[in-house]
């Protein structure tokens, strides 16, 4: 007996601990880091859709109508981004010979 306590001490291990360990190993790979960066870019675009194009919720019922709403919102988002890009002040070209 390791401890002088009269009651047994137990260590509970999650049923899915082996799966969690596999995920931890996968999260340390280069492929995971690459996928995470790509996912962050996509999530940023969806966040922009939600906040700047005001697409917090789908206003029409049905999958077809929701797809239609997103199909119209994506070009609107691109136009807004293009306008922002075109309105930036011109930067001087440095280092060109």
PDB file of N, CA and C in Angstrom:
ATOM      1  N   UNK A   1       0.847  -1.186   0.000  1.00  0.00           N
ATOM      2  CA  UNK A   1       0.000   0.000   0.000  1.00  0.00           C
ATOM      3  C   UNK A   1       0.889   1.245   0.000  1.00  0.00           C
ATOM      4  N   UNK A   2       0.565   2.180  -0.882  1.00  0.00           N
ATOM      5  CA  UNK A   2       1.405   3.363  -1.043  1.00  0.00           C
ATOM      6  C   UNK A   2       1.039   4.485  -0.086  1.00  0.00           C
ATOM      7  N   UNK A   3      -0.234   4.603   0.255  1.00  0.00           N
ATOM      8  CA  UNK A   3      -0.662   5.707   1.114  1.00  0.00           C
ATOM      9  C   UNK A   3      -1.281   5.146   2.379  1.00  0.00           C
ATOM     10  N   UNK A   4      -1.153   5.878   3.453  1.00  0.00           N
ATOM     11  CA  UNK A   4      -1.726   5.396   4.710  1.00  0.00           C
ATOM     12  C   UNK A   4      -3.235   5.632   4.818  1.00  0.00           C
ATOM     13  N   UNK A   5      -3.852   6.205   3.821  1.00  0.00           N
ATOM     14  CA  UNK A   5      -5.273   6.515   3.879  1.00  0.00           C
ATOM     15  C   UNK A   5      -6.088   5.226   3.879  1.00  0.00           C
ATOM     16  N   UNK A   6      -7.190   5.245   4.608  1.00  0.00           N
ATOM     17  CA  UNK A   6      -8.046   4.059   4.652  1.00  0.00           C
ATOM     18  C   UNK A   6      -8.928   3.952   3.405  1.00  0.00           C
ATOM     19  N   UNK A   7      -9.208   5.081   2.775  1.00  0.00           N
ATOM     20  CA  UNK A   7     -10.014   5.036   1.547  1.00  0.00           C
ATOM     21  C   UNK A   7      -9.082   4.980   0.346  1.00  0.00           C
ATOM     22  N   UNK A   8      -9.520   4.275  -0.672  1.00  0.00           N
ATOM     23  CA  UNK A   8      -8.704   4.182  -1.883  1.00  0.00           C
ATOM     24  C   UNK A   8      -8.815   5.462  -2.694  1.00  0.00           C
ATOM     25  N   UNK A   9      -7.723   5.800  -3.304  1.00  0.00           N
ATOM     26  CA  UNK A   9      -7.731   6.954  -4.196  1.00  0.00           C
ATOM     27  C   UNK A   9      -7.725   6.429  -5.619  1.00  0.00           C
ATOM     28  N   UNK A  10      -8.534   7.054  -6.428  1.00  0.00           N
ATOM     29  CA  UNK A  10      -8.616   6.581  -7.808  1.00  0.00           C
ATOM     30  C   UNK A  10      -8.292   7.715  -8.761  1.00  0.00           C
ATOM     31  N   UNK A  11      -7.819   7.328  -9.899  1.00  0.00           N
ATOM     32  CA  UNK A  11      -7.532   8.273 -10.964  1.00  0.00           C
ATOM     33  C   UNK A  11      -8.445   7.918 -12.121  1.00  0.00           C
ATOM     34  N   UNK A  12      -9.310   8.829 -12.474  1.00  0.00           N
ATOM     35  CA  UNK A  12     -10.244   8.568 -13.560  1.00  0.00           C
ATOM     36  C   UNK A  12      -9.655   9.059 -14.869  1.00  0.00           C
ATOM     37  N   UNK A  13      -9.670   8.184 -15.844  1.00  0.00           N
ATOM     38  CA  UNK A  13      -9.174   8.514 -17.173  1.00  0.00           C
ATOM     39  C   UNK A  13     -10.371   8.564 -18.102  1.00  0.00           C
ATOM     40  N   UNK A  14     -10.420   9.616 -18.890  1.00  0.00           N
ATOM     41  CA  UNK A  14     -11.524   9.777 -19.828  1.00  0.00           C
ATOM     42  C   UNK A  14     -11.579   8.592 -20.781  1.00  0.00           C
ATOM     43  N   UNK A  15     -12.783   8.171 -21.112  1.00  0.00           N
ATOM     44  CA  UNK A  15     -13.000   7.032 -21.994  1.00  0.00           C
ATOM     45  C   UNK A  15     -12.319   7.245 -23.348  1.00  0.00           C
ATOM     46  N   UNK A  16     -12.275   8.477 -23.786  1.00  0.00           N
ATOM     47  CA  UNK A  16     -11.721   8.816 -25.094  1.00  0.00           C
ATOM     48  C   UNK A  16     -10.286   9.337 -25.007  1.00  0.00           C
ATOM     49  N   UNK A  17      -9.581   9.038 -23.950  1.00  0.00           N
ATOM     50  CA  UNK A  17      -8.238   9.578 -23.759  1.00  0.00           C
ATOM     51  C   UNK A  17      -7.289   9.174 -24.891  1.00  0.00           C
ATOM     52  N   UNK A  18      -7.422   7.956 -25.398  1.00  0.00           N
ATOM     53  CA  UNK A  18      -6.534   7.535 -26.488  1.00  0.00           C
ATOM     54  C   UNK A  18      -6.794   8.357 -27.756  1.00  0.00           C
ATOM     55  N   UNK A  19      -8.044   8.687 -28.014  1.00  0.00           N
ATOM     56  CA  UNK A  19      -8.380   9.517 -29.176  1.00  0.00           C
ATOM     57  C   UNK A  19      -7.860  10.933 -28.964  1.00  0.00           C
ATOM     58  N   UNK A  20      -7.994  11.429 -27.760  1.00  0.00           N
ATOM     59  CA  UNK A  20      -7.509  12.774 -27.451  1.00  0.00           C
ATOM     60  C   UNK A  20      -5.995  12.856 -27.647  1.00  0.00           C
ATOM     61  N   UNK A  21      -5.287  11.804 -27.276  1.00  0.00           N
ATOM     62  CA  UNK A  21      -3.835  11.778 -27.456  1.00  0.00           C
ATOM     63  C   UNK A  21      -3.469  11.765 -28.940  1.00  0.00           C
ATOM     64  N   UNK A  22      -4.232  11.028 -29.739  1.00  0.00           N
ATOM     65  CA  UNK A  22      -3.985  11.019 -31.184  1.00  0.00           C
ATOM     66  C   UNK A  22      -4.183  12.417 -31.773  1.00  0.00           C
ATOM     67  N   UNK A  23      -5.215  13.108 -31.318  1.00  0.00           N
ATOM     68  CA  UNK A  23      -5.483  14.461 -31.803  1.00  0.00           C
ATOM     69  C   UNK A  23      -4.361  15.401 -31.373  1.00  0.00           C
ATOM     70  N   UNK A  24      -3.864  15.237 -30.159  1.00  0.00           N
ATOM     71  CA  UNK A  24      -2.741  16.063 -29.706  1.00  0.00           C
ATOM     72  C   UNK A  24      -1.521  15.855 -30.597  1.00  0.00           C
ATOM     73  N   UNK A  25      -1.262  14.601 -30.965  1.00  0.00           N
ATOM     74  CA  UNK A  25      -0.118  14.312 -31.844  1.00  0.00           C
ATOM     75  C   UNK A  25      -0.328  14.939 -33.217  1.00  0.00           C
ATOM     76  N   UNK A  26      -1.538  14.821 -33.743  1.00  0.00           N
ATOM     77  CA  UNK A  26      -1.832  15.413 -35.050  1.00  0.00           C
ATOM     78  C   UNK A  26      -1.693  16.929 -35.024  1.00  0.00           C
ATOM     79  N   UNK A  27      -2.048  17.538 -33.898  1.00  0.00           N
ATOM     80  CA  UNK A  27      -2.012  18.999 -33.819  1.00  0.00           C
ATOM     81  C   UNK A  27      -0.589  19.548 -33.816  1.00  0.00           C
ATOM     82  N   UNK A  28       0.390  18.681 -33.665  1.00  0.00           N
ATOM     83  CA  UNK A  28       1.790  19.126 -33.676  1.00  0.00           C
ATOM     84  C   UNK A  28       2.449  18.973 -35.047  1.00  0.00           C
ATOM     85  N   UNK A  29       1.688  18.579 -36.068  1.00  0.00           N
ATOM     86  CA  UNK A  29       2.266  18.355 -37.394  1.00  0.00           C
ATOM     87  C   UNK A  29       2.226  19.631 -38.233  1.00  0.00           C
ATOM     88  N   UNK A  30       3.060  19.670 -39.264  1.00  0.00           N
ATOM     89  CA  UNK A  30       3.092  20.826 -40.170  1.00  0.00           C
ATOM     90  C   UNK A  30       1.800  20.931 -40.967  1.00  0.00           C
ATOM     91  N   UNK A  31       1.242  19.778 -41.343  1.00  0.00           N
ATOM     92  CA  UNK A  31      -0.002  19.783 -42.117  1.00  0.00           C
ATOM     93  C   UNK A  31      -1.130  20.427 -41.325  1.00  0.00           C
ATOM     94  N   UNK A  32      -1.165  20.138 -40.020  1.00  0.00           N
ATOM     95  CA  UNK A  32      -2.193  20.729 -39.167  1.00  0.00           C
ATOM     96  C   UNK A  32      -2.033  22.245 -39.117  1.00  0.00           C
ATOM     97  N   UNK A  33      -0.789  22.705 -38.985  1.00  0.00           N
ATOM     98  CA  UNK A  33      -0.533  24.149 -38.931  1.00  0.00           C
ATOM     99  C   UNK A  33      -0.956  24.818 -40.232  1.00  0.00           C
ATOM    100  N   UNK A  34      -0.675  24.164 -41.357  1.00  0.00           N
ATOM    101  CA  UNK A  34      -1.072  24.710 -42.658  1.00  0.00           C
ATOM    102  C   UNK A  34      -2.590  24.783 -42.771  1.00  0.00           C
ATOM    103  N   UNK A  35      -3.259  23.707 -42.375  1.00  0.00           N
ATOM    104  CA  UNK A  35      -4.724  23.677 -42.434  1.00  0.00           C
ATOM    105  C   UNK A  35      -5.326  24.720 -41.497  1.00  0.00           C
ATOM    106  N   UNK A  36      -4.699  24.912 -40.351  1.00  0.00           N
ATOM    107  CA  UNK A  36      -5.215  25.895 -39.389  1.00  0.00           C
ATOM    108  C   UNK A  36      -5.118  27.316 -39.941  1.00  0.00           C
ATOM    109  N   UNK A  37      -4.000  27.623 -40.601  1.00  0.00           N
ATOM    110  CA  UNK A  37      -3.859  28.954 -41.202  1.00  0.00           C
ATOM    111  C   UNK A  37      -4.919  29.170 -42.279  1.00  0.00           C
ATOM    112  N   UNK A  38      -5.149  28.151 -43.104  1.00  0.00           N
ATOM    113  CA  UNK A  38      -6.175  28.261 -44.152  1.00  0.00           C
ATOM    114  C   UNK A  38      -7.555  28.433 -43.533  1.00  0.00           C
ATOM    115  N   UNK A  39      -7.822  27.694 -42.463  1.00  0.00           N
ATOM    116  CA  UNK A  39      -9.116  27.790 -41.785  1.00  0.00           C
ATOM    117  C   UNK A  39      -9.302  29.180 -41.177  1.00  0.00           C
ATOM    118  N   UNK A  40      -8.226  29.750 -40.638  1.00  0.00           N
ATOM    119  CA  UNK A  40      -8.319  31.096 -40.064  1.00  0.00           C
ATOM    120  C   UNK A  40      -8.695  32.121 -41.125  1.00  0.00           C
ATOM    121  N   UNK A  41      -8.153  31.961 -42.339  1.00  0.00           N
ATOM    122  CA  UNK A  41      -8.493  32.888 -43.421  1.00  0.00           C
ATOM    123  C   UNK A  41      -9.972  32.787 -43.771  1.00  0.00           C
ATOM    124  N   UNK A  42     -10.472  31.563 -43.869  1.00  0.00           N
ATOM    125  CA  UNK A  42     -11.881  31.355 -44.209  1.00  0.00           C
ATOM    126  C   UNK A  42     -12.777  31.892 -43.101  1.00  0.00           C
ATOM    127  N   UNK A  43     -12.414  31.618 -41.850  1.00  0.00           N
ATOM    128  CA  UNK A  43     -13.215  32.108 -40.727  1.00  0.00           C
ATOM    129  C   UNK A  43     -13.247  33.634 -40.710  1.00  0.00           C
ATOM    130  N   UNK A  44     -12.140  34.269 -41.083  1.00  0.00           N
ATOM    131  CA  UNK A  44     -12.109  35.730 -41.135  1.00  0.00           C
ATOM    132  C   UNK A  44     -13.084  36.246 -42.188  1.00  0.00           C
ATOM    133  N   UNK A  45     -13.166  35.551 -43.325  1.00  0.00           N
ATOM    134  CA  UNK A  45     -14.111  35.966 -44.368  1.00  0.00           C
ATOM    135  C   UNK A  45     -15.552  35.807 -43.899  1.00  0.00           C
ATOM    136  N   UNK A  46     -15.849  34.708 -43.204  1.00  0.00           N
ATOM    137  CA  UNK A  46     -17.203  34.523 -42.686  1.00  0.00           C
ATOM    138  C   UNK A  46     -17.524  35.570 -41.622  1.00  0.00           C
ATOM    139  N   UNK A  47     -16.534  35.909 -40.806  1.00  0.00           N
ATOM    140  CA  UNK A  47     -16.733  36.947 -39.800  1.00  0.00           C
ATOM    141  C   UNK A  47     -17.020  38.287 -40.464  1.00  0.00           C
ATOM    142  N   UNK A  48     -16.298  38.567 -41.541  1.00  0.00           N
ATOM    143  CA  UNK A  48     -16.532  39.798 -42.286  1.00  0.00           C
ATOM    144  C   UNK A  48     -17.937  39.803 -42.887  1.00  0.00           C
ATOM    145  N   UNK A  49     -18.366  38.666 -43.420  1.00  0.00           N
ATOM    146  CA  UNK A  49     -19.733  38.559 -43.952  1.00  0.00           C
ATOM    147  C   UNK A  49     -20.743  38.872 -42.856  1.00  0.00           C
ATOM    148  N   UNK A  50     -20.505  38.313 -41.690  1.00  0.00           N
ATOM    149  CA  UNK A  50     -21.449  38.479 -40.591  1.00  0.00           C
ATOM    150  C   UNK A  50     -21.499  39.928 -40.100  1.00  0.00           C
ATOM    151  N   UNK A  51     -20.334  40.536 -39.953  1.00  0.00           N
ATOM    152  CA  UNK A  51     -20.286  41.849 -39.321  1.00  0.00           C
ATOM    153  C   UNK A  51     -20.439  43.013 -40.294  1.00  0.00           C
ATOM    154  N   UNK A  52     -19.814  42.943 -41.462  1.00  0.00           N
ATOM    155  CA  UNK A  52     -19.829  44.090 -42.363  1.00  0.00           C
ATOM    156  C   UNK A  52     -20.918  44.005 -43.416  1.00  0.00           C
ATOM    157  N   UNK A  53     -21.258  42.799 -43.848  1.00  0.00           N
ATOM    158  CA  UNK A  53     -22.328  42.652 -44.830  1.00  0.00           C
ATOM    159  C   UNK A  53     -23.657  42.429 -44.103  1.00  0.00           C
ATOM    160  N   UNK A  54     -23.590  42.347 -42.790  1.00  0.00           N
ATOM    161  CA  UNK A  54     -24.762  42.190 -41.918  1.00  0.00           C
ATOM    162  C   UNK A  54     -25.543  40.920 -42.226  1.00  0.00           C
ATOM    163  N   UNK A  55     -24.811  39.841 -42.321  1.00  0.00           N
ATOM    164  CA  UNK A  55     -25.422  38.551 -42.593  1.00  0.00           C
ATOM    165  C   UNK A  55     -25.376  37.708 -41.319  1.00  0.00           C
ATOM    166  N   UNK A  56     -25.893  38.277 -40.234  1.00  0.00           N
ATOM    167  CA  UNK A  56     -25.874  37.563 -38.960  1.00  0.00           C
ATOM    168  C   UNK A  56     -26.807  36.361 -38.968  1.00  0.00           C
ATOM    169  N   UNK A  57     -27.915  36.490 -39.648  1.00  0.00           N
ATOM    170  CA  UNK A  57     -28.812  35.340 -39.755  1.00  0.00           C
ATOM    171  C   UNK A  57     -29.442  35.329 -41.135  1.00  0.00           C
ATOM    172  N   UNK A  58     -29.828  34.162 -41.561  1.00  0.00           N
ATOM    173  CA  UNK A  58     -30.449  34.004 -42.866  1.00  0.00           C
ATOM    174  C   UNK A  58     -31.885  34.494 -42.750  1.00  0.00           C
ATOM    175  N   UNK A  59     -32.263  35.378 -43.640  1.00  0.00           N
ATOM    176  CA  UNK A  59     -33.582  35.988 -43.546  1.00  0.00           C
ATOM    177  C   UNK A  59     -34.659  35.228 -44.314  1.00  0.00           C
ATOM    178  N   UNK A  60     -34.241  34.269 -45.122  1.00  0.00           N
ATOM    179  CA  UNK A  60     -35.195  33.512 -45.919  1.00  0.00           C
ATOM    180  C   UNK A  60     -35.213  32.061 -45.453  1.00  0.00           C
ATOM    181  N   UNK A  61     -36.350  31.425 -45.581  1.00  0.00           N
ATOM    182  CA  UNK A  61     -36.460  30.028 -45.157  1.00  0.00           C
ATOM    183  C   UNK A  61     -36.067  29.086 -46.279  1.00  0.00           C
ATOM    184  N   UNK A  62     -35.563  27.942 -45.895  1.00  0.00           N
ATOM    185  CA  UNK A  62     -35.233  26.911 -46.863  1.00  0.00           C
ATOM    186  C   UNK A  62     -33.778  26.962 -47.293  1.00  0.00           C
ATOM    187  N   UNK A  63     -33.255  25.790 -47.592  1.00  0.00           N
ATOM    188  CA  UNK A  63     -31.854  25.679 -47.986  1.00  0.00           C
ATOM    189  C   UNK A  63     -31.583  26.406 -49.296  1.00  0.00           C
ATOM    190  N   UNK A  64     -32.500  26.299 -50.229  1.00  0.00           N
ATOM    191  CA  UNK A  64     -32.320  26.957 -51.532  1.00  0.00           C
ATOM    192  C   UNK A  64     -32.232  28.471 -51.360  1.00  0.00           C
ATOM    193  N   UNK A  65     -33.109  29.026 -50.547  1.00  0.00           N
ATOM    194  CA  UNK A  65     -33.098  30.476 -50.315  1.00  0.00           C
ATOM    195  C   UNK A  65     -31.850  30.910 -49.546  1.00  0.00           C
ATOM    196  N   UNK A  66     -31.401  30.085 -48.604  1.00  0.00           N
ATOM    197  CA  UNK A  66     -30.184  30.412 -47.856  1.00  0.00           C
ATOM    198  C   UNK A  66     -28.976  30.426 -48.794  1.00  0.00           C
ATOM    199  N   UNK A  67     -28.909  29.437 -49.686  1.00  0.00           N
ATOM    200  CA  UNK A  67     -27.813  29.411 -50.666  1.00  0.00           C
ATOM    201  C   UNK A  67     -27.864  30.645 -51.551  1.00  0.00           C
ATOM    202  N   UNK A  68     -29.063  31.022 -51.943  1.00  0.00           N
ATOM    203  CA  UNK A  68     -29.230  32.207 -52.793  1.00  0.00           C
ATOM    204  C   UNK A  68     -28.750  33.461 -52.071  1.00  0.00           C
ATOM    205  N   UNK A  69     -29.086  33.564 -50.799  1.00  0.00           N
ATOM    206  CA  UNK A  69     -28.677  34.729 -50.021  1.00  0.00           C
ATOM    207  C   UNK A  69     -27.147  34.793 -49.914  1.00  0.00           C
ATOM    208  N   UNK A  70     -26.498  33.657 -49.677  1.00  0.00           N
ATOM    209  CA  UNK A  70     -25.040  33.639 -49.608  1.00  0.00           C
ATOM    210  C   UNK A  70     -24.422  33.904 -50.970  1.00  0.00           C
ATOM    211  N   UNK A  71     -25.072  33.412 -52.024  1.00  0.00           N
ATOM    212  CA  UNK A  71     -24.570  33.643 -53.380  1.00  0.00           C
ATOM    213  C   UNK A  71     -24.580  35.129 -53.714  1.00  0.00           C
ATOM    214  N   UNK A  72     -25.527  35.863 -53.181  1.00  0.00           N
ATOM    215  CA  UNK A  72     -25.579  37.308 -53.402  1.00  0.00           C
ATOM    216  C   UNK A  72     -24.673  38.066 -52.425  1.00  0.00           C
ATOM    217  N   UNK A  73     -24.497  37.523 -51.229  1.00  0.00           N
ATOM    218  CA  UNK A  73     -23.700  38.214 -50.217  1.00  0.00           C
ATOM    219  C   UNK A  73     -22.204  38.145 -50.525  1.00  0.00           C
ATOM    220  N   UNK A  74     -21.744  37.038 -51.085  1.00  0.00           N
ATOM    221  CA  UNK A  74     -20.309  36.890 -51.363  1.00  0.00           C
ATOM    222  C   UNK A  74     -19.809  37.930 -52.365  1.00  0.00           C
ATOM    223  N   UNK A  75     -20.495  38.145 -53.504  1.00  0.00           N
ATOM    224  CA  UNK A  75     -20.029  39.214 -54.403  1.00  0.00           C
ATOM    225  C   UNK A  75     -20.126  40.599 -53.762  1.00  0.00           C
ATOM    226  N   UNK A  76     -21.138  40.816 -52.933  1.00  0.00           N
ATOM    227  CA  UNK A  76     -21.245  42.104 -52.240  1.00  0.00           C
ATOM    228  C   UNK A  76     -20.034  42.315 -51.341  1.00  0.00           C
ATOM    229  N   UNK A  77     -19.621  41.260 -50.672  1.00  0.00           N
ATOM    230  CA  UNK A  77     -18.434  41.335 -49.825  1.00  0.00           C
ATOM    231  C   UNK A  77     -17.199  41.641 -50.671  1.00  0.00           C
ATOM    232  N   UNK A  78     -17.086  40.994 -51.817  1.00  0.00           N
ATOM    233  CA  UNK A  78     -15.931  41.230 -52.693  1.00  0.00           C
ATOM    234  C   UNK A  78     -15.905  42.661 -53.214  1.00  0.00           C
ATOM    235  N   UNK A  79     -17.067  43.209 -53.554  1.00  0.00           N
ATOM    236  CA  UNK A  79     -17.137  44.592 -54.040  1.00  0.00           C
ATOM    237  C   UNK A  79     -16.709  45.549 -52.936  1.00  0.00           C
ATOM    238  N   UNK A  80     -17.182  45.314 -51.715  1.00  0.00           N
ATOM    239  CA  UNK A  80     -16.788  46.172 -50.593  1.00  0.00           C
ATOM    240  C   UNK A  80     -15.275  46.115 -50.365  1.00  0.00           C
ATOM    241  N   UNK A  81     -14.708  44.915 -50.437  1.00  0.00           N
ATOM    242  CA  UNK A  81     -13.264  44.773 -50.251  1.00  0.00           C
ATOM    243  C   UNK A  81     -12.502  45.459 -51.376  1.00  0.00           C
ATOM    244  N   UNK A  82     -13.006  45.360 -52.609  1.00  0.00           N
ATOM    245  CA  UNK A  82     -12.365  46.000 -53.754  1.00  0.00           C
ATOM    246  C   UNK A  82     -12.388  47.519 -53.607  1.00  0.00           C
ATOM    247  N   UNK A  83     -13.511  48.069 -53.183  1.00  0.00           N
ATOM    248  CA  UNK A  83     -13.620  49.519 -52.977  1.00  0.00           C
ATOM    249  C   UNK A  83     -12.629  49.972 -51.908  1.00  0.00           C
ATOM    250  N   UNK A  84     -12.549  49.212 -50.810  1.00  0.00           N
ATOM    251  CA  UNK A  84     -11.590  49.544 -49.760  1.00  0.00           C
ATOM    252  C   UNK A  84     -10.160  49.512 -50.292  1.00  0.00           C
ATOM    253  N   UNK A  85      -9.860  48.506 -51.108  1.00  0.00           N
ATOM    254  CA  UNK A  85      -8.521  48.364 -51.675  1.00  0.00           C
ATOM    255  C   UNK A  85      -8.198  49.517 -52.617  1.00  0.00           C
ATOM    256  N   UNK A  86      -9.160  49.900 -53.466  1.00  0.00           N
ATOM    257  CA  UNK A  86      -8.925  50.971 -54.437  1.00  0.00           C
ATOM    258  C   UNK A  86      -8.830  52.342 -53.782  1.00  0.00           C
ATOM    259  N   UNK A  87      -9.435  52.522 -52.626  1.00  0.00           N
ATOM    260  CA  UNK A  87      -9.405  53.812 -51.937  1.00  0.00           C
ATOM    261  C   UNK A  87      -8.188  53.984 -51.038  1.00  0.00           C
ATOM    262  N   UNK A  88      -7.321  52.991 -50.973  1.00  0.00           N
ATOM    263  CA  UNK A  88      -6.106  53.129 -50.178  1.00  0.00           C
ATOM    264  C   UNK A  88      -5.182  54.131 -50.851  1.00  0.00           C
ATOM    265  N   UNK A  89      -4.439  54.920 -50.061  1.00  0.00           N
ATOM    266  CA  UNK A  89      -3.488  55.854 -50.672  1.00  0.00           C
ATOM    267  C   UNK A  89      -2.384  55.087 -51.393  1.00  0.00           C
ATOM    268  N   UNK A  90      -1.918  55.669 -52.485  1.00  0.00           N
ATOM    269  CA  UNK A  90      -0.865  55.042 -53.285  1.00  0.00           C
ATOM    270  C   UNK A  90       0.444  55.069 -52.509  1.00  0.00           C
ATOM    271  N   UNK A  91       1.133  53.944 -52.500  1.00  0.00           N
ATOM    272  CA  UNK A  91       2.432  53.862 -51.842  1.00  0.00           C
ATOM    273  C   UNK A  91       3.526  54.022 -52.888  1.00  0.00           C
ATOM    274  N   UNK A  92       4.559  54.778 -52.560  1.00  0.00           N
ATOM    275  CA  UNK A  92       5.659  54.919 -53.522  1.00  0.00           C
ATOM    276  C   UNK A  92       6.419  53.599 -53.647  1.00  0.00           C
ATOM    277  N   UNK A  93       6.856  53.304 -54.866  1.00  0.00           N
ATOM    278  CA  UNK A  93       7.630  52.094 -55.120  1.00  0.00           C
ATOM    279  C   UNK A  93       9.066  52.366 -54.706  1.00  0.00           C
ATOM    280  N   UNK A  94       9.594  51.534 -53.825  1.00  0.00           N
ATOM    281  CA  UNK A  94      10.943  51.725 -53.301  1.00  0.00           C
ATOM    282  C   UNK A  94      11.806  50.544 -53.720  1.00  0.00           C
ATOM    283  N   UNK A  95      13.037  50.844 -54.115  1.00  0.00           N
ATOM    284  CA  UNK A  95      13.993  49.786 -54.403  1.00  0.00           C
ATOM    285  C   UNK A  95      13.957  49.277 -55.827  1.00  0.00           C
ATOM    286  N   UNK A  96      13.228  49.906 -56.691  1.00  0.00           N
ATOM    287  CA  UNK A  96      13.193  49.478 -58.089  1.00  0.00           C
ATOM    288  C   UNK A  96      14.274  50.243 -58.854  1.00  0.00           C
ATOM    289  N   UNK A  97      15.085  49.532 -59.603  1.00  0.00           N
ATOM    290  CA  UNK A  97      16.142  50.209 -60.364  1.00  0.00           C
ATOM    291  C   UNK A  97      16.009  49.923 -61.837  1.00  0.00           C
TER     292      UNK A  97
END
